Amino acid sequence: MLIEKLGQEHSDVLDVKVYQAGKDFSYLRKYGMITKGTMIVDQKKKYDRLSKKVIEKIIGDLVD
C-alpha cells in the first residue's frame, strides 16, 4: 500500500496507522463510520478523494 510504503520511508517524521474495515474498530470513536478509502492527517484533516498523486503530495508537504 502506498501510504504504508511512504510512511516507512519517512518514519523519522511520520507515524502512520492504517485501519482496516472489519478488523479494526478503534477508529470509530475518533472518526465515525468510514465506508471508503480515507486519509486523515494529524487526526484533524480528512481526505476522501485519494489518488497516488494526491497521497504523494500530502505526505511530501508533511515531510517538508
PDB file of N, CA and C in Angstrom:
ATOM      1  N   MET A   1       0.839  -1.166   0.000  1.00  0.00           N
ATOM      2  CA  MET A   1       0.000   0.000   0.000  1.00  0.00           C
ATOM      3  C   MET A   1       0.890   1.236   0.000  1.00  0.00           C
ATOM      4  N   LEU A   2       0.552   2.205  -0.804  1.00  0.00           N
ATOM      5  CA  LEU A   2       1.365   3.408  -0.992  1.00  0.00           C
ATOM      6  C   LEU A   2       1.555   4.186   0.301  1.00  0.00           C
ATOM      7  N   ILE A   3       0.491   4.352   1.075  1.00  0.00           N
ATOM      8  CA  ILE A   3       0.600   5.123   2.317  1.00  0.00           C
ATOM      9  C   ILE A   3       1.558   4.447   3.289  1.00  0.00           C
ATOM     10  N   GLU A   4       1.463   3.138   3.432  1.00  0.00           N
ATOM     11  CA  GLU A   4       2.377   2.414   4.319  1.00  0.00           C
ATOM     12  C   GLU A   4       3.815   2.530   3.837  1.00  0.00           C
ATOM     13  N   LYS A   5       4.032   2.404   2.528  1.00  0.00           N
ATOM     14  CA  LYS A   5       5.371   2.495   1.962  1.00  0.00           C
ATOM     15  C   LYS A   5       5.988   3.869   2.223  1.00  0.00           C
ATOM     16  N   LEU A   6       5.237   4.930   1.946  1.00  0.00           N
ATOM     17  CA  LEU A   6       5.753   6.274   2.176  1.00  0.00           C
ATOM     18  C   LEU A   6       5.944   6.547   3.667  1.00  0.00           C
ATOM     19  N   GLY A   7       5.077   5.984   4.491  1.00  0.00           N
ATOM     20  CA  GLY A   7       5.228   6.123   5.937  1.00  0.00           C
ATOM     21  C   GLY A   7       6.504   5.484   6.444  1.00  0.00           C
ATOM     22  N   GLN A   8       6.860   4.333   5.885  1.00  0.00           N
ATOM     23  CA  GLN A   8       8.102   3.670   6.273  1.00  0.00           C
ATOM     24  C   GLN A   8       9.320   4.459   5.806  1.00  0.00           C
ATOM     25  N   GLU A   9       9.234   5.027   4.613  1.00  0.00           N
ATOM     26  CA  GLU A   9      10.353   5.812   4.084  1.00  0.00           C
ATOM     27  C   GLU A   9      10.616   7.051   4.935  1.00  0.00           C
ATOM     28  N   HIS A  10       9.574   7.586   5.554  1.00  0.00           N
ATOM     29  CA  HIS A  10       9.697   8.822   6.342  1.00  0.00           C
ATOM     30  C   HIS A  10       9.330   8.572   7.799  1.00  0.00           C
ATOM     31  N   SER A  11       9.666   7.408   8.311  1.00  0.00           N
ATOM     32  CA  SER A  11       9.270   7.037   9.664  1.00  0.00           C
ATOM     33  C   SER A  11       9.877   7.939  10.738  1.00  0.00           C
ATOM     34  N   ASP A  12      10.922   8.666  10.390  1.00  0.00           N
ATOM     35  CA  ASP A  12      11.527   9.577  11.362  1.00  0.00           C
ATOM     36  C   ASP A  12      10.640  10.791  11.632  1.00  0.00           C
ATOM     37  N   VAL A  13       9.754  11.145  10.710  1.00  0.00           N
ATOM     38  CA  VAL A  13       8.874  12.316  10.891  1.00  0.00           C
ATOM     39  C   VAL A  13       7.389  11.973  10.820  1.00  0.00           C
ATOM     40  N   LEU A  14       7.035  10.757  10.399  1.00  0.00           N
ATOM     41  CA  LEU A  14       5.632  10.366  10.262  1.00  0.00           C
ATOM     42  C   LEU A  14       5.318   9.156  11.119  1.00  0.00           C
ATOM     43  N   ASP A  15       4.122   9.161  11.676  1.00  0.00           N
ATOM     44  CA  ASP A  15       3.600   7.995  12.378  1.00  0.00           C
ATOM     45  C   ASP A  15       2.343   7.579  11.631  1.00  0.00           C
ATOM     46  N   VAL A  16       2.418   6.492  10.892  1.00  0.00           N
ATOM     47  CA  VAL A  16       1.320   6.061  10.035  1.00  0.00           C
ATOM     48  C   VAL A  16       0.578   4.901  10.693  1.00  0.00           C
ATOM     49  N   LYS A  17      -0.740   5.023  10.733  1.00  0.00           N
ATOM     50  CA  LYS A  17      -1.584   3.938  11.231  1.00  0.00           C
ATOM     51  C   LYS A  17      -2.625   3.654  10.164  1.00  0.00           C
ATOM     52  N   VAL A  18      -2.721   2.426   9.724  1.00  0.00           N
ATOM     53  CA  VAL A  18      -3.702   2.023   8.721  1.00  0.00           C
ATOM     54  C   VAL A  18      -4.752   1.170   9.416  1.00  0.00           C
ATOM     55  N   TYR A  19      -5.987   1.604   9.310  1.00  0.00           N
ATOM     56  CA  TYR A  19      -7.114   0.871   9.881  1.00  0.00           C
ATOM     57  C   TYR A  19      -7.802   0.114   8.754  1.00  0.00           C
ATOM     58  N   GLN A  20      -8.206  -1.113   9.027  1.00  0.00           N
ATOM     59  CA  GLN A  20      -8.897  -1.922   8.033  1.00  0.00           C
ATOM     60  C   GLN A  20     -10.320  -2.201   8.506  1.00  0.00           C
ATOM     61  N   ALA A  21     -11.262  -1.857   7.642  1.00  0.00           N
ATOM     62  CA  ALA A  21     -12.675  -2.086   7.964  1.00  0.00           C
ATOM     63  C   ALA A  21     -12.910  -3.567   8.234  1.00  0.00           C
ATOM     64  N   GLY A  22     -13.658  -3.858   9.259  1.00  0.00           N
ATOM     65  CA  GLY A  22     -13.959  -5.242   9.616  1.00  0.00           C
ATOM     66  C   GLY A  22     -12.933  -5.878  10.522  1.00  0.00           C
ATOM     67  N   LYS A  23     -11.764  -5.269  10.639  1.00  0.00           N
ATOM     68  CA  LYS A  23     -10.714  -5.805  11.509  1.00  0.00           C
ATOM     69  C   LYS A  23     -10.403  -4.861  12.661  1.00  0.00           C
ATOM     70  N   ASP A  24     -10.351  -3.567  12.371  1.00  0.00           N
ATOM     71  CA  ASP A  24     -10.028  -2.562  13.380  1.00  0.00           C
ATOM     72  C   ASP A  24     -11.282  -1.747  13.686  1.00  0.00           C
ATOM     73  N   PHE A  25     -11.497  -1.474  14.963  1.00  0.00           N
ATOM     74  CA  PHE A  25     -12.678  -0.717  15.347  1.00  0.00           C
ATOM     75  C   PHE A  25     -12.335   0.492  16.217  1.00  0.00           C
ATOM     76  N   SER A  26     -11.080   0.654  16.576  1.00  0.00           N
ATOM     77  CA  SER A  26     -10.692   1.755  17.453  1.00  0.00           C
ATOM     78  C   SER A  26     -10.857   3.115  16.785  1.00  0.00           C
ATOM     79  N   TYR A  27     -10.866   3.155  15.479  1.00  0.00           N
ATOM     80  CA  TYR A  27     -11.025   4.424  14.776  1.00  0.00           C
ATOM     81  C   TYR A  27     -12.453   4.952  14.842  1.00  0.00           C
ATOM     82  N   LEU A  28     -13.427   4.102  15.104  1.00  0.00           N
ATOM     83  CA  LEU A  28     -14.830   4.506  15.085  1.00  0.00           C
ATOM     84  C   LEU A  28     -15.130   5.636  16.072  1.00  0.00           C
ATOM     85  N   ARG A  29     -14.585   5.549  17.244  1.00  0.00           N
ATOM     86  CA  ARG A  29     -14.843   6.570  18.258  1.00  0.00           C
ATOM     87  C   ARG A  29     -14.278   7.929  17.818  1.00  0.00           C
ATOM     88  N   LYS A  30     -13.107   7.933  17.179  1.00  0.00           N
ATOM     89  CA  LYS A  30     -12.474   9.186  16.754  1.00  0.00           C
ATOM     90  C   LYS A  30     -13.089   9.757  15.491  1.00  0.00           C
ATOM     91  N   TYR A  31     -13.302   8.891  14.491  1.00  0.00           N
ATOM     92  CA  TYR A  31     -13.628   9.372  13.151  1.00  0.00           C
ATOM     93  C   TYR A  31     -15.015   8.990  12.664  1.00  0.00           C
ATOM     94  N   GLY A  32     -15.712   8.144  13.372  1.00  0.00           N
ATOM     95  CA  GLY A  32     -17.022   7.699  12.931  1.00  0.00           C
ATOM     96  C   GLY A  32     -16.898   6.632  11.857  1.00  0.00           C
ATOM     97  N   MET A  33     -18.031   6.270  11.298  1.00  0.00           N
ATOM     98  CA  MET A  33     -18.061   5.233  10.269  1.00  0.00           C
ATOM     99  C   MET A  33     -17.443   5.743   8.972  1.00  0.00           C
ATOM    100  N   ILE A  34     -16.513   5.002   8.455  1.00  0.00           N
ATOM    101  CA  ILE A  34     -15.870   5.318   7.179  1.00  0.00           C
ATOM    102  C   ILE A  34     -16.093   4.128   6.268  1.00  0.00           C
ATOM    103  N   THR A  35     -16.649   4.376   5.083  1.00  0.00           N
ATOM    104  CA  THR A  35     -17.011   3.264   4.207  1.00  0.00           C
ATOM    105  C   THR A  35     -16.149   3.186   2.959  1.00  0.00           C
ATOM    106  N   LYS A  36     -15.166   4.059   2.828  1.00  0.00           N
ATOM    107  CA  LYS A  36     -14.297   4.029   1.648  1.00  0.00           C
ATOM    108  C   LYS A  36     -12.901   4.475   2.055  1.00  0.00           C
ATOM    109  N   GLY A  37     -11.979   4.456   1.123  1.00  0.00           N
ATOM    110  CA  GLY A  37     -10.615   4.877   1.401  1.00  0.00           C
ATOM    111  C   GLY A  37     -10.576   6.316   1.856  1.00  0.00           C
ATOM    112  N   THR A  38     -10.018   6.544   3.017  1.00  0.00           N
ATOM    113  CA  THR A  38      -9.927   7.875   3.597  1.00  0.00           C
ATOM    114  C   THR A  38      -8.559   8.029   4.231  1.00  0.00           C
ATOM    115  N   MET A  39      -7.986   9.212   4.102  1.00  0.00           N
ATOM    116  CA  MET A  39      -6.707   9.512   4.732  1.00  0.00           C
ATOM    117  C   MET A  39      -6.934  10.662   5.699  1.00  0.00           C
ATOM    118  N   ILE A  40      -6.515  10.481   6.952  1.00  0.00           N
ATOM    119  CA  ILE A  40      -6.680  11.507   7.973  1.00  0.00           C
ATOM    120  C   ILE A  40      -5.286  11.923   8.423  1.00  0.00           C
ATOM    121  N   VAL A  41      -5.044  13.233   8.401  1.00  0.00           N
ATOM    122  CA  VAL A  41      -3.732  13.774   8.729  1.00  0.00           C
ATOM    123  C   VAL A  41      -3.823  14.547  10.042  1.00  0.00           C
ATOM    124  N   ASP A  42      -2.892  14.285  10.935  1.00  0.00           N
ATOM    125  CA  ASP A  42      -2.828  14.941  12.245  1.00  0.00           C
ATOM    126  C   ASP A  42      -4.130  14.809  13.022  1.00  0.00           C
ATOM    127  N   GLN A  43      -4.845  13.733  12.820  1.00  0.00           N
ATOM    128  CA  GLN A  43      -6.107  13.440  13.487  1.00  0.00           C
ATOM    129  C   GLN A  43      -7.125  14.563  13.310  1.00  0.00           C
ATOM    130  N   LYS A  44      -6.957  15.384  12.249  1.00  0.00           N
ATOM    131  CA  LYS A  44      -7.839  16.528  12.036  1.00  0.00           C
ATOM    132  C   LYS A  44      -8.360  16.620  10.612  1.00  0.00           C
ATOM    133  N   LYS A  45      -7.462  16.645   9.646  1.00  0.00           N
ATOM    134  CA  LYS A  45      -7.831  16.894   8.258  1.00  0.00           C
ATOM    135  C   LYS A  45      -8.110  15.568   7.544  1.00  0.00           C
ATOM    136  N   LYS A  46      -9.258  15.499   6.874  1.00  0.00           N
ATOM    137  CA  LYS A  46      -9.724  14.261   6.255  1.00  0.00           C
ATOM    138  C   LYS A  46      -9.735  14.409   4.734  1.00  0.00           C
ATOM    139  N   TYR A  47      -9.146  13.436   4.042  1.00  0.00           N
ATOM    140  CA  TYR A  47      -9.112  13.412   2.583  1.00  0.00           C
ATOM    141  C   TYR A  47      -9.868  12.177   2.100  1.00  0.00           C
ATOM    142  N   ASP A  48     -10.891  12.386   1.280  1.00  0.00           N
ATOM    143  CA  ASP A  48     -11.684  11.275   0.768  1.00  0.00           C
ATOM    144  C   ASP A  48     -11.373  10.951  -0.688  1.00  0.00           C
ATOM    145  N   ARG A  49     -10.946  11.910  -1.447  1.00  0.00           N
ATOM    146  CA  ARG A  49     -10.646  11.689  -2.867  1.00  0.00           C
ATOM    147  C   ARG A  49      -9.149  11.429  -3.021  1.00  0.00           C
ATOM    148  N   LEU A  50      -8.793  10.163  -2.931  1.00  0.00           N
ATOM    149  CA  LEU A  50      -7.383   9.790  -2.943  1.00  0.00           C
ATOM    150  C   LEU A  50      -6.949   9.254  -4.292  1.00  0.00           C
ATOM    151  N   SER A  51      -5.751   9.626  -4.662  1.00  0.00           N
ATOM    152  CA  SER A  51      -5.068   9.063  -5.821  1.00  0.00           C
ATOM    153  C   SER A  51      -3.595   9.034  -5.451  1.00  0.00           C
ATOM    154  N   LYS A  52      -2.804   8.367  -6.249  1.00  0.00           N
ATOM    155  CA  LYS A  52      -1.366   8.296  -5.975  1.00  0.00           C
ATOM    156  C   LYS A  52      -0.773   9.698  -5.892  1.00  0.00           C
ATOM    157  N   LYS A  53      -1.149  10.553  -6.821  1.00  0.00           N
ATOM    158  CA  LYS A  53      -0.622  11.921  -6.872  1.00  0.00           C
ATOM    159  C   LYS A  53      -1.015  12.712  -5.613  1.00  0.00           C
ATOM    160  N   VAL A  54      -2.260  12.580  -5.195  1.00  0.00           N
ATOM    161  CA  VAL A  54      -2.744  13.296  -4.005  1.00  0.00           C
ATOM    162  C   VAL A  54      -2.013  12.807  -2.756  1.00  0.00           C
ATOM    163  N   ILE A  55      -1.895  11.496  -2.595  1.00  0.00           N
ATOM    164  CA  ILE A  55      -1.219  10.923  -1.432  1.00  0.00           C
ATOM    165  C   ILE A  55       0.238  11.376  -1.382  1.00  0.00           C
ATOM    166  N   GLU A  56       0.937  11.318  -2.509  1.00  0.00           N
ATOM    167  CA  GLU A  56       2.337  11.741  -2.545  1.00  0.00           C
ATOM    168  C   GLU A  56       2.477  13.221  -2.204  1.00  0.00           C
ATOM    169  N   LYS A  57       1.554  14.051  -2.664  1.00  0.00           N
ATOM    170  CA  LYS A  57       1.607  15.483  -2.363  1.00  0.00           C
ATOM    171  C   LYS A  57       1.373  15.739  -0.870  1.00  0.00           C
ATOM    172  N   ILE A  58       0.366  15.099  -0.292  1.00  0.00           N
ATOM    173  CA  ILE A  58       0.064  15.285   1.123  1.00  0.00           C
ATOM    174  C   ILE A  58       1.257  14.887   1.976  1.00  0.00           C
ATOM    175  N   ILE A  59       1.809  13.716   1.718  1.00  0.00           N
ATOM    176  CA  ILE A  59       2.947  13.236   2.517  1.00  0.00           C
ATOM    177  C   ILE A  59       4.179  14.095   2.259  1.00  0.00           C
ATOM    178  N   GLY A  60       4.389  14.498   1.006  1.00  0.00           N
ATOM    179  CA  GLY A  60       5.505  15.382   0.690  1.00  0.00           C
ATOM    180  C   GLY A  60       5.414  16.699   1.457  1.00  0.00           C
ATOM    181  N   ASP A  61       4.217  17.276   1.519  1.00  0.00           N
ATOM    182  CA  ASP A  61       4.013  18.519   2.272  1.00  0.00           C
ATOM    183  C   ASP A  61       4.280  18.320   3.764  1.00  0.00           C
ATOM    184  N   LEU A  62       3.882  17.175   4.297  1.00  0.00           N
ATOM    185  CA  LEU A  62       4.103  16.895   5.713  1.00  0.00           C
ATOM    186  C   LEU A  62       5.590  16.742   6.033  1.00  0.00           C
ATOM    187  N   VAL A  63       6.316  16.125   5.146  1.00  0.00           N
ATOM    188  CA  VAL A  63       7.735  15.850   5.374  1.00  0.00           C
ATOM    189  C   VAL A  63       8.565  17.140   5.284  1.00  0.00           C
ATOM    190  N   ASP A  64       8.150  18.030   4.391  1.00  0.00           N
ATOM    191  CA  ASP A  64       8.894  19.292   4.217  1.00  0.00           C
ATOM    192  C   ASP A  64       8.694  20.225   5.337  1.00  0.00           C
TER     193      ASP A  64
END
